[in-house]
Amino acid sequence: MNESEAIEPDQERTGLVALAVASVIVGAATGAIGVAFRFSLECAEAWRGALVAWGHAGHEAAFVLVALAAAAATGLAAWVVARFAPAASGSGIPHVEAVLRGKLPLAPLVLIPIKFAGGVLAIGAGLALGREGPTVQMGVSIAHAIGTSFRRNALDCRVLLAAGAGAGLATAFNAPIAGAVFVLEELTRRFDTRTAVAALGASASAIAMARLLHGDLPDFHVPAQPFPGFAMSGAHLVLGAVLGVLGAAYCRAVVWTLDAAESFSRPDSVAHVTTRAALIGAAVGLLAWFAPDLAGGGDALTERALLGASSVAGMLALFAARFVLGAVSYAAGTPGGLFAPMLVLGAQTGLVFGRVCLDWFPGMSPATGDTSTFAVVGMAAFFVAVVRAPVTGIVLVTEMTASFTLLLPMLTACFTAMIVPLLLHVPPIYDSLGERAAHGR
């Protein structure tokens, strides 16, 4: 053995340690900014609720003020994005995937304040968008800055970018394992030691920071569920197939709405993009006036579905409204993700399916516990139908609801939810959005 062969393993170990240290710093920084973003969203949504409540307390023309405020906030969010950081538009995950594959350059650091402020303005105004898109993309920008300061090579910098994205997802949903799995399953689509070490280190430190600042309870409080019997497998397979169809339709709706919006306004014109966003914001403001619970990211709606606190007719109406609102909100071109709105739709579908099953087949009740089981399973299956990342979806929902007894039903439903869109030839949503971005749309 010559001297160079003896040195290489030591160099590899030294490089891995430096990468691990950098990933922990990336995660901590991403966790801190993610919690600040979440607190800001909570304040913005509280202010929106207070404004609507003030208007309903005897100020009959206040709906005009609510609509104008939402239009101004959404228009401003779209303007700062189009003017200073176009890559901050939308979820940001398709842009991250394109950067990791070398198809697009990394966005400048100005993306962080633009994504932060734009997300607070848009989601605070009532758009049905998720907080995870901004935290994922901000995590990537943070990772780039730290990787550069640590003087890591190009390969390690790319690994850190993916780890920063996973830390952002982990922070958004208080789901550390899902953040790490998201890196391996969706972003890099491979498993190797360096990527796994960085993903785990970043997600762990992000969650440590987030729980220190925001608390350690799961995002949703679900009653303890029994282990469903094998006899329920057929019902879960059917639920997965139903959600597969709905998930494929949602993918098509998001892309179609983007195409329709851009057909009426030039996507390369800042003025046109701003006007389009302001019009969407005004419509969402009116919705917030007449149905305040429908607006925003939708966590309260998901919680309500998980607790079974709505009628079937009411839940069907909510599903239809949120289905359209989610696609329209994404077309505004403001920062905001797709995950949280998808979880709402999945929980609502699962609740309706569970109610129908228990009404038509009352003998199921002892085996299923209650409709919360179907709502939790529905969240995972709808996510899988749209994103096509089954392990991420199952782990994410399990961590968000602490429903560890429902792993088998989620696996069963996600199986058919994965197959149906493939049979319908509907690509995953981020593949479709990435394809549009590659063509400059």
Protein backbone atom coordinates (compact mmCIF):
# COMPACT_ATOMS: atom_id res chain seq x y z
CA MET A 1 0.00 0.00 0.00
CA ASN A 2 1.48 3.35 -0.98
CA GLU A 3 1.26 6.55 1.05
CA SER A 4 -1.48 8.16 -1.03
CA GLU A 5 -3.77 5.17 -0.56
CA ALA A 6 -3.26 5.37 3.23
CA ILE A 7 -4.10 9.08 3.35
CA GLU A 8 -7.30 8.98 1.29
CA PRO A 9 -9.55 7.37 3.97
CA ASP A 10 -8.41 9.95 6.52
CA GLN A 11 -9.15 12.75 4.10
CA GLU A 12 -12.56 11.25 3.44
CA ARG A 13 -13.33 11.06 7.17
CA THR A 14 -12.14 14.63 7.71
CA GLY A 15 -14.31 15.85 4.84
CA LEU A 16 -17.32 13.95 6.21
CA VAL A 17 -16.89 15.51 9.65
CA ALA A 18 -16.71 18.99 8.13
CA LEU A 19 -19.83 18.24 6.08
CA ALA A 20 -21.66 16.99 9.17
CA VAL A 21 -20.75 20.11 11.15
CA ALA A 22 -21.86 22.34 8.29
CA SER A 23 -25.16 20.46 8.01
CA VAL A 24 -25.90 20.97 11.71
CA ILE A 25 -25.29 24.72 11.33
CA VAL A 26 -27.47 24.79 8.21
CA GLY A 27 -30.28 23.04 10.08
CA ALA A 28 -30.09 25.33 13.11
CA ALA A 29 -30.17 28.46 10.96
CA THR A 30 -33.02 27.09 8.84
CA GLY A 31 -34.95 26.11 11.96
CA ALA A 32 -34.59 29.60 13.40
CA ILE A 33 -35.74 31.40 10.26
CA GLY A 34 -38.50 28.81 9.72
CA VAL A 35 -39.91 29.43 13.18
CA ALA A 36 -39.72 33.20 12.64
CA PHE A 37 -41.63 32.69 9.39
CA ARG A 38 -44.26 30.58 11.12
CA PHE A 39 -44.72 33.13 13.91
CA SER A 40 -45.06 35.88 11.30
CA LEU A 41 -47.72 33.88 9.45
CA GLU A 42 -49.64 33.32 12.67
CA CYS A 43 -49.58 37.06 13.36
CA ALA A 44 -50.65 37.92 9.80
CA GLU A 45 -53.55 35.46 9.92
CA ALA A 46 -54.59 36.82 13.32
CA TRP A 47 -54.62 40.36 11.89
CA ARG A 48 -56.71 39.19 8.93
CA GLY A 49 -59.17 37.54 11.29
CA ALA A 50 -59.34 40.66 13.46
CA LEU A 51 -59.99 42.87 10.42
CA VAL A 52 -62.80 40.61 9.22
CA ALA A 53 -64.30 40.42 12.73
CA TRP A 54 -64.14 44.22 13.03
CA GLY A 55 -65.91 44.57 9.70
CA HIS A 56 -68.68 42.18 10.68
CA ALA A 57 -69.25 44.12 13.90
CA GLY A 58 -71.42 46.77 12.30
CA HIS A 59 -69.26 48.09 9.45
CA GLU A 60 -71.28 46.99 6.44
CA ALA A 61 -68.98 48.40 3.77
CA ALA A 62 -65.86 46.94 5.37
CA PHE A 63 -65.83 44.07 2.87
CA VAL A 64 -64.41 46.57 0.38
CA LEU A 65 -61.56 47.34 2.78
CA VAL A 66 -60.89 43.63 3.31
CA ALA A 67 -60.78 42.98 -0.44
CA LEU A 68 -58.52 45.98 -1.05
CA ALA A 69 -56.17 44.95 1.77
CA ALA A 70 -55.89 41.42 0.40
CA ALA A 71 -55.36 42.74 -3.13
CA ALA A 72 -52.64 45.14 -1.96
CA ALA A 73 -50.82 42.46 0.07
CA THR A 74 -50.95 39.86 -2.70
CA GLY A 75 -50.02 42.36 -5.40
CA LEU A 76 -47.07 43.61 -3.35
CA ALA A 77 -45.89 40.03 -2.77
CA ALA A 78 -45.99 39.28 -6.49
CA TRP A 79 -44.28 42.59 -7.35
CA VAL A 80 -41.28 42.10 -5.05
CA VAL A 81 -40.86 38.55 -6.34
CA ALA A 82 -41.07 39.51 -10.02
CA ARG A 83 -38.87 42.58 -9.51
CA PHE A 84 -36.11 41.23 -7.28
CA ALA A 85 -36.18 37.40 -7.17
CA PRO A 86 -38.32 35.64 -9.82
CA ALA A 87 -37.12 32.26 -8.55
CA ALA A 88 -39.03 32.92 -5.31
CA SER A 89 -42.35 32.52 -7.10
CA GLY A 90 -44.56 29.61 -6.10
CA SER A 91 -43.43 26.65 -4.04
CA GLY A 92 -39.74 26.87 -4.87
CA ILE A 93 -39.33 23.07 -4.75
CA PRO A 94 -39.26 22.70 -8.57
CA HIS A 95 -36.53 25.37 -8.65
CA VAL A 96 -34.58 23.53 -5.94
CA GLU A 97 -34.81 20.27 -7.88
CA ALA A 98 -33.64 22.00 -11.06
CA VAL A 99 -30.68 23.54 -9.19
CA LEU A 100 -29.69 20.17 -7.74
CA ARG A 101 -29.76 18.65 -11.23
CA GLY A 102 -27.66 21.47 -12.65
CA LYS A 103 -30.43 22.75 -14.91
CA LEU A 104 -30.82 26.19 -13.28
CA PRO A 105 -28.44 28.47 -11.38
CA LEU A 106 -28.88 29.01 -7.66
CA ALA A 107 -30.93 32.08 -6.72
CA PRO A 108 -29.06 34.95 -5.00
CA LEU A 109 -29.28 35.42 -1.22
CA VAL A 110 -31.82 38.20 -1.68
CA LEU A 111 -34.29 35.35 -2.16
CA ILE A 112 -34.43 34.84 1.63
CA PRO A 113 -36.02 38.19 2.59
CA ILE A 114 -38.15 38.18 -0.59
CA LYS A 115 -39.47 34.68 0.08
CA PHE A 116 -40.06 35.50 3.74
CA ALA A 117 -41.88 38.78 3.22
CA GLY A 118 -43.74 37.63 0.11
CA GLY A 119 -44.94 34.46 1.84
CA VAL A 120 -46.20 36.37 4.88
CA LEU A 121 -48.04 38.87 2.67
CA ALA A 122 -49.64 36.27 0.39
CA ILE A 123 -50.59 33.60 2.93
CA GLY A 124 -51.51 36.26 5.47
CA ALA A 125 -53.85 37.78 2.88
CA GLY A 126 -55.70 34.45 2.71
CA LEU A 127 -54.23 32.59 -0.26
CA ALA A 128 -54.47 28.80 0.13
CA LEU A 129 -50.73 28.18 0.14
CA GLY A 130 -48.42 26.28 2.47
CA ARG A 131 -45.57 27.50 4.63
CA GLU A 132 -43.28 24.63 3.61
CA GLY A 133 -42.39 25.99 0.16
CA PRO A 134 -40.80 29.19 1.51
CA THR A 135 -38.97 27.39 4.33
CA VAL A 136 -37.58 24.78 1.92
CA GLN A 137 -36.24 27.38 -0.50
CA MET A 138 -34.90 29.63 2.26
CA GLY A 139 -33.13 26.59 3.72
CA VAL A 140 -31.40 26.02 0.38
CA SER A 141 -30.15 29.60 0.23
CA ILE A 142 -28.89 29.35 3.81
CA ALA A 143 -27.12 26.09 2.96
CA HIS A 144 -25.39 27.69 -0.02
CA ALA A 145 -24.04 30.53 2.13
CA ILE A 146 -22.78 28.18 4.83
CA GLY A 147 -21.33 25.67 2.38
CA THR A 148 -19.40 28.47 0.69
CA SER A 149 -18.09 29.81 3.99
CA PHE A 150 -16.93 26.28 4.94
CA ARG A 151 -15.16 26.06 1.55
CA ARG A 152 -16.78 22.77 0.68
CA ASN A 153 -16.30 21.35 -2.79
CA ALA A 154 -19.06 21.44 -5.41
CA LEU A 155 -20.36 17.96 -4.52
CA ASP A 156 -20.62 18.72 -0.81
CA CYS A 157 -22.24 22.07 -1.51
CA ARG A 158 -24.90 20.30 -3.54
CA VAL A 159 -25.44 17.82 -0.70
CA LEU A 160 -25.81 20.74 1.73
CA LEU A 161 -28.38 22.37 -0.55
CA ALA A 162 -30.53 19.24 -0.40
CA ALA A 163 -30.03 19.01 3.37
CA GLY A 164 -31.12 22.64 3.78
CA ALA A 165 -34.28 21.89 1.83
CA GLY A 166 -35.03 18.91 4.09
CA ALA A 167 -34.44 21.06 7.17
CA GLY A 168 -36.95 23.56 5.80
CA LEU A 169 -39.61 20.88 5.39
CA ALA A 170 -38.86 19.45 8.82
CA THR A 171 -39.24 22.88 10.41
CA ALA A 172 -42.48 23.69 8.57
CA PHE A 173 -44.29 20.59 9.82
CA ASN A 174 -42.35 19.63 12.97
CA ALA A 175 -41.42 16.41 11.17
CA PRO A 176 -37.67 15.67 11.34
CA ILE A 177 -37.66 12.21 9.77
CA ALA A 178 -39.89 13.36 6.91
CA GLY A 179 -37.43 16.18 6.20
CA ALA A 180 -34.54 13.73 5.87
CA VAL A 181 -36.58 11.25 3.82
CA PHE A 182 -37.75 14.05 1.52
CA VAL A 183 -34.11 14.75 0.64
CA LEU A 184 -33.39 11.13 -0.24
CA GLU A 185 -36.66 10.24 -1.96
CA GLU A 186 -37.69 13.40 -3.81
CA LEU A 187 -34.73 15.77 -4.14
CA THR A 188 -31.66 13.59 -4.74
CA ARG A 189 -33.50 10.31 -5.50
CA ARG A 190 -30.54 8.29 -4.27
CA PHE A 191 -29.09 7.08 -0.99
CA ASP A 192 -25.42 7.57 -0.16
CA THR A 193 -23.52 8.14 3.05
CA ARG A 194 -22.71 11.82 2.62
CA THR A 195 -26.25 12.77 1.64
CA ALA A 196 -27.75 10.75 4.50
CA VAL A 197 -25.38 12.26 7.08
CA ALA A 198 -26.08 15.82 5.90
CA ALA A 199 -29.86 15.28 5.67
CA LEU A 200 -30.08 13.76 9.15
CA GLY A 201 -27.83 16.38 10.70
CA ALA A 202 -29.69 19.30 9.17
CA SER A 203 -33.16 17.95 9.99
CA ALA A 204 -32.19 17.07 13.56
CA SER A 205 -30.70 20.48 14.35
CA ALA A 206 -33.58 22.26 12.60
CA ILE A 207 -36.12 20.45 14.75
CA ALA A 208 -34.09 21.03 17.90
CA MET A 209 -34.16 24.76 17.16
CA ALA A 210 -37.83 24.75 16.15
CA ARG A 211 -38.96 22.85 19.23
CA LEU A 212 -36.90 25.09 21.47
CA LEU A 213 -38.61 28.15 20.03
CA HIS A 214 -42.08 26.85 19.07
CA GLY A 215 -42.80 23.76 21.20
CA ASP A 216 -42.61 20.02 20.64
CA LEU A 217 -46.24 18.95 20.18
CA PRO A 218 -47.37 17.42 16.85
CA ASP A 219 -49.01 19.89 14.47
CA PHE A 220 -52.37 18.08 14.71
CA HIS A 221 -54.05 16.54 17.72
CA VAL A 222 -55.73 13.27 16.80
CA PRO A 223 -57.43 10.89 19.24
CA ALA A 224 -55.54 7.66 19.84
CA GLN A 225 -56.42 5.18 17.10
CA PRO A 226 -56.61 1.37 17.40
CA PHE A 227 -54.75 -0.93 15.04
CA PRO A 228 -57.23 -1.43 12.15
CA GLY A 229 -57.92 -5.04 11.33
CA PHE A 230 -56.94 -6.74 8.09
CA ALA A 231 -60.63 -6.73 7.10
CA MET A 232 -60.36 -2.99 6.48
CA SER A 233 -57.70 -3.36 3.78
CA GLY A 234 -60.30 -3.36 1.00
CA ALA A 235 -61.78 -0.07 2.17
CA HIS A 236 -58.33 1.52 2.35
CA LEU A 237 -57.48 0.28 -1.14
CA VAL A 238 -60.66 1.90 -2.45
CA LEU A 239 -59.92 5.12 -0.57
CA GLY A 240 -56.47 5.20 -2.14
CA ALA A 241 -57.94 4.73 -5.61
CA VAL A 242 -60.43 7.56 -5.05
CA LEU A 243 -57.66 9.84 -3.87
CA GLY A 244 -55.51 8.77 -6.79
CA VAL A 245 -58.17 10.08 -9.17
CA LEU A 246 -58.62 13.29 -7.18
CA GLY A 247 -54.87 13.78 -6.87
CA ALA A 248 -54.42 13.41 -10.62
CA ALA A 249 -57.22 15.93 -11.15
CA TYR A 250 -55.54 18.35 -8.74
CA CYS A 251 -52.24 18.08 -10.62
CA ARG A 252 -54.06 18.90 -13.85
CA ALA A 253 -55.98 21.74 -12.20
CA VAL A 254 -52.84 23.44 -10.88
CA VAL A 255 -51.08 23.30 -14.26
CA TRP A 256 -54.20 24.30 -16.20
CA THR A 257 -54.82 27.28 -13.91
CA LEU A 258 -51.22 28.45 -14.37
CA ASP A 259 -51.59 28.17 -18.14
CA ALA A 260 -54.92 30.00 -18.09
CA ALA A 261 -53.55 32.80 -15.90
CA GLU A 262 -50.55 33.30 -18.14
CA SER A 263 -52.71 33.33 -21.25
CA PHE A 264 -54.39 36.48 -19.93
CA SER A 265 -51.21 38.24 -18.81
CA ARG A 266 -47.59 38.25 -19.87
CA PRO A 267 -45.52 36.27 -17.34
CA ASP A 268 -42.43 38.36 -18.17
CA SER A 269 -44.17 41.65 -17.36
CA VAL A 270 -43.87 42.80 -13.73
CA ALA A 271 -46.97 45.01 -14.11
CA HIS A 272 -49.06 42.16 -15.54
CA VAL A 273 -47.91 39.70 -12.86
CA THR A 274 -48.69 42.24 -10.13
CA THR A 275 -52.14 42.99 -11.53
CA ARG A 276 -53.00 39.32 -11.85
CA ALA A 277 -51.95 38.65 -8.26
CA ALA A 278 -53.90 41.68 -6.99
CA LEU A 279 -57.08 40.47 -8.72
CA ILE A 280 -56.68 37.01 -7.21
CA GLY A 281 -56.00 38.62 -3.83
CA ALA A 282 -59.18 40.72 -4.07
CA ALA A 283 -61.24 37.61 -4.82
CA VAL A 284 -59.64 35.79 -1.88
CA GLY A 285 -60.33 38.81 0.32
CA LEU A 286 -64.01 38.62 -0.53
CA LEU A 287 -63.95 34.90 0.25
CA ALA A 288 -62.33 35.68 3.61
CA TRP A 289 -65.16 38.13 4.30
CA PHE A 290 -68.00 35.72 3.54
CA ALA A 291 -66.28 32.48 4.68
CA PRO A 292 -63.29 33.35 6.92
CA ASP A 293 -62.45 29.72 7.71
CA LEU A 294 -61.86 28.88 4.04
CA ALA A 295 -58.97 31.31 3.59
CA GLY A 296 -55.33 30.76 4.44
CA GLY A 297 -53.11 27.70 4.68
CA GLY A 298 -55.90 25.54 6.07
CA ASP A 299 -54.48 24.00 9.26
CA ALA A 300 -57.73 24.66 11.12
CA LEU A 301 -59.71 22.89 8.38
CA THR A 302 -57.40 19.89 8.54
CA GLU A 303 -57.74 19.75 12.33
CA ARG A 304 -61.53 19.92 12.02
CA ALA A 305 -61.57 17.06 9.52
CA LEU A 306 -59.28 14.95 11.70
CA LEU A 307 -61.68 15.43 14.60
CA GLY A 308 -64.71 14.61 12.41
CA ALA A 309 -66.34 17.93 13.24
CA SER A 310 -68.25 18.51 9.97
CA SER A 311 -71.18 17.02 8.09
CA VAL A 312 -70.71 15.17 4.82
CA ALA A 313 -72.51 17.88 2.82
CA GLY A 314 -70.49 20.61 4.50
CA MET A 315 -67.23 18.79 3.92
CA LEU A 316 -68.01 18.22 0.24
CA ALA A 317 -68.66 21.93 -0.19
CA LEU A 318 -65.43 22.79 1.64
CA PHE A 319 -63.50 20.33 -0.52
CA ALA A 320 -64.82 21.84 -3.74
CA ALA A 321 -64.03 25.38 -2.57
CA ARG A 322 -60.52 24.53 -1.38
CA PHE A 323 -59.78 22.49 -4.52
CA VAL A 324 -60.43 25.55 -6.69
CA LEU A 325 -58.89 28.00 -4.23
CA GLY A 326 -55.64 26.03 -4.01
CA ALA A 327 -55.09 26.04 -7.77
CA VAL A 328 -56.09 29.69 -8.16
CA SER A 329 -53.88 30.77 -5.25
CA TYR A 330 -50.85 29.06 -6.77
CA ALA A 331 -51.45 30.93 -10.03
CA ALA A 332 -50.93 34.26 -8.24
CA GLY A 333 -47.17 33.85 -8.57
CA THR A 334 -46.46 34.65 -4.93
CA PRO A 335 -44.34 32.56 -2.53
CA GLY A 336 -46.22 29.61 -1.06
CA GLY A 337 -46.21 25.84 -1.09
CA LEU A 338 -48.56 23.05 -2.11
CA PHE A 339 -48.15 20.60 0.78
CA ALA A 340 -50.44 22.20 3.38
CA PRO A 341 -53.38 22.70 0.95
CA MET A 342 -53.00 19.07 -0.18
CA LEU A 343 -53.21 17.83 3.40
CA VAL A 344 -56.50 19.71 3.81
CA LEU A 345 -58.01 18.06 0.75
CA GLY A 346 -56.79 14.61 1.74
CA ALA A 347 -58.20 14.88 5.27
CA GLN A 348 -61.56 16.12 3.98
CA THR A 349 -61.83 13.30 1.44
CA GLY A 350 -60.89 10.73 4.04
CA LEU A 351 -63.52 12.05 6.44
CA VAL A 352 -66.28 11.91 3.81
CA PHE A 353 -65.22 8.41 2.75
CA GLY A 354 -65.18 7.26 6.36
CA ARG A 355 -68.63 8.68 7.05
CA VAL A 356 -70.04 6.93 3.99
CA CYS A 357 -68.42 3.63 4.96
CA LEU A 358 -69.68 3.74 8.51
CA ASP A 359 -73.19 4.75 7.40
CA TRP A 360 -73.45 2.07 4.73
CA PHE A 361 -71.53 -0.63 6.60
CA PRO A 362 -72.06 0.01 10.32
CA GLY A 363 -70.36 -3.28 11.15
CA MET A 364 -67.04 -1.62 10.33
CA SER A 365 -67.14 0.60 13.39
CA PRO A 366 -65.38 -1.69 15.87
CA ALA A 367 -62.54 -2.31 13.44
CA THR A 368 -61.93 1.28 12.45
CA GLY A 369 -62.39 3.26 15.66
CA ASP A 370 -63.83 6.38 14.02
CA THR A 371 -63.56 8.58 10.95
CA SER A 372 -60.27 10.05 12.16
CA THR A 373 -58.60 6.92 10.83
CA PHE A 374 -59.83 7.62 7.30
CA ALA A 375 -58.94 11.32 7.55
CA VAL A 376 -55.34 10.57 8.56
CA VAL A 377 -54.99 7.93 5.85
CA GLY A 378 -56.52 10.35 3.34
CA MET A 379 -53.87 12.97 4.08
CA ALA A 380 -51.06 10.57 3.22
CA ALA A 381 -52.75 9.10 0.15
CA PHE A 382 -53.62 12.45 -1.42
CA PHE A 383 -50.05 13.66 -0.87
CA VAL A 384 -48.74 10.54 -2.58
CA ALA A 385 -51.17 10.88 -5.48
CA VAL A 386 -49.96 14.42 -6.20
CA VAL A 387 -46.25 14.30 -5.34
CA ARG A 388 -45.52 10.59 -5.91
CA ALA A 389 -43.22 10.38 -2.87
CA PRO A 390 -44.87 7.61 -0.80
CA VAL A 391 -42.31 7.23 1.99
CA THR A 392 -42.17 11.00 2.55
CA GLY A 393 -45.97 11.22 2.61
CA ILE A 394 -46.44 8.37 5.08
CA VAL A 395 -43.69 9.55 7.42
CA LEU A 396 -44.81 13.18 7.21
CA VAL A 397 -48.42 12.42 8.16
CA THR A 398 -47.37 9.98 10.85
CA GLU A 399 -45.16 12.60 12.50
CA MET A 400 -47.71 15.39 12.14
CA THR A 401 -50.51 13.36 13.75
CA ALA A 402 -48.55 10.91 15.96
CA SER A 403 -50.73 8.17 14.44
CA PHE A 404 -48.18 5.37 14.49
CA THR A 405 -50.89 2.70 14.62
CA LEU A 406 -52.08 3.64 11.12
CA LEU A 407 -48.95 2.75 9.16
CA LEU A 408 -50.54 -0.32 7.54
CA PRO A 409 -53.68 1.52 6.35
CA MET A 410 -51.51 4.33 4.99
CA LEU A 411 -49.31 1.87 3.13
CA THR A 412 -52.39 0.18 1.67
CA ALA A 413 -54.07 3.40 0.54
CA CYS A 414 -50.86 4.93 -0.77
CA PHE A 415 -50.31 1.83 -2.91
CA THR A 416 -53.41 2.47 -5.00
CA ALA A 417 -53.01 6.26 -4.76
CA MET A 418 -49.62 5.82 -6.44
CA ILE A 419 -50.83 3.46 -9.16
CA VAL A 420 -53.96 5.29 -10.33
CA PRO A 421 -52.25 8.53 -11.50
CA LEU A 422 -49.61 6.43 -13.28
CA LEU A 423 -52.37 4.57 -15.14
CA LEU A 424 -53.93 7.95 -16.00
CA HIS A 425 -50.56 9.16 -17.35
CA VAL A 426 -50.50 12.15 -15.01
CA PRO A 427 -46.94 13.08 -13.98
CA PRO A 428 -46.06 14.17 -10.43
CA ILE A 429 -46.83 17.82 -9.78
CA TYR A 430 -43.22 18.89 -9.33
CA ASP A 431 -42.21 17.21 -12.59
CA SER A 432 -44.94 19.16 -14.38
CA LEU A 433 -43.96 22.44 -12.72
CA GLY A 434 -40.29 21.78 -13.43
CA GLU A 435 -41.09 21.17 -17.08
CA ARG A 436 -42.91 24.49 -17.27
CA ALA A 437 -39.96 26.26 -15.66
CA ALA A 438 -37.55 24.65 -18.11
CA HIS A 439 -39.56 26.21 -20.94
CA GLY A 440 -39.52 29.62 -19.28
CA ARG A 441 -43.11 29.52 -18.04
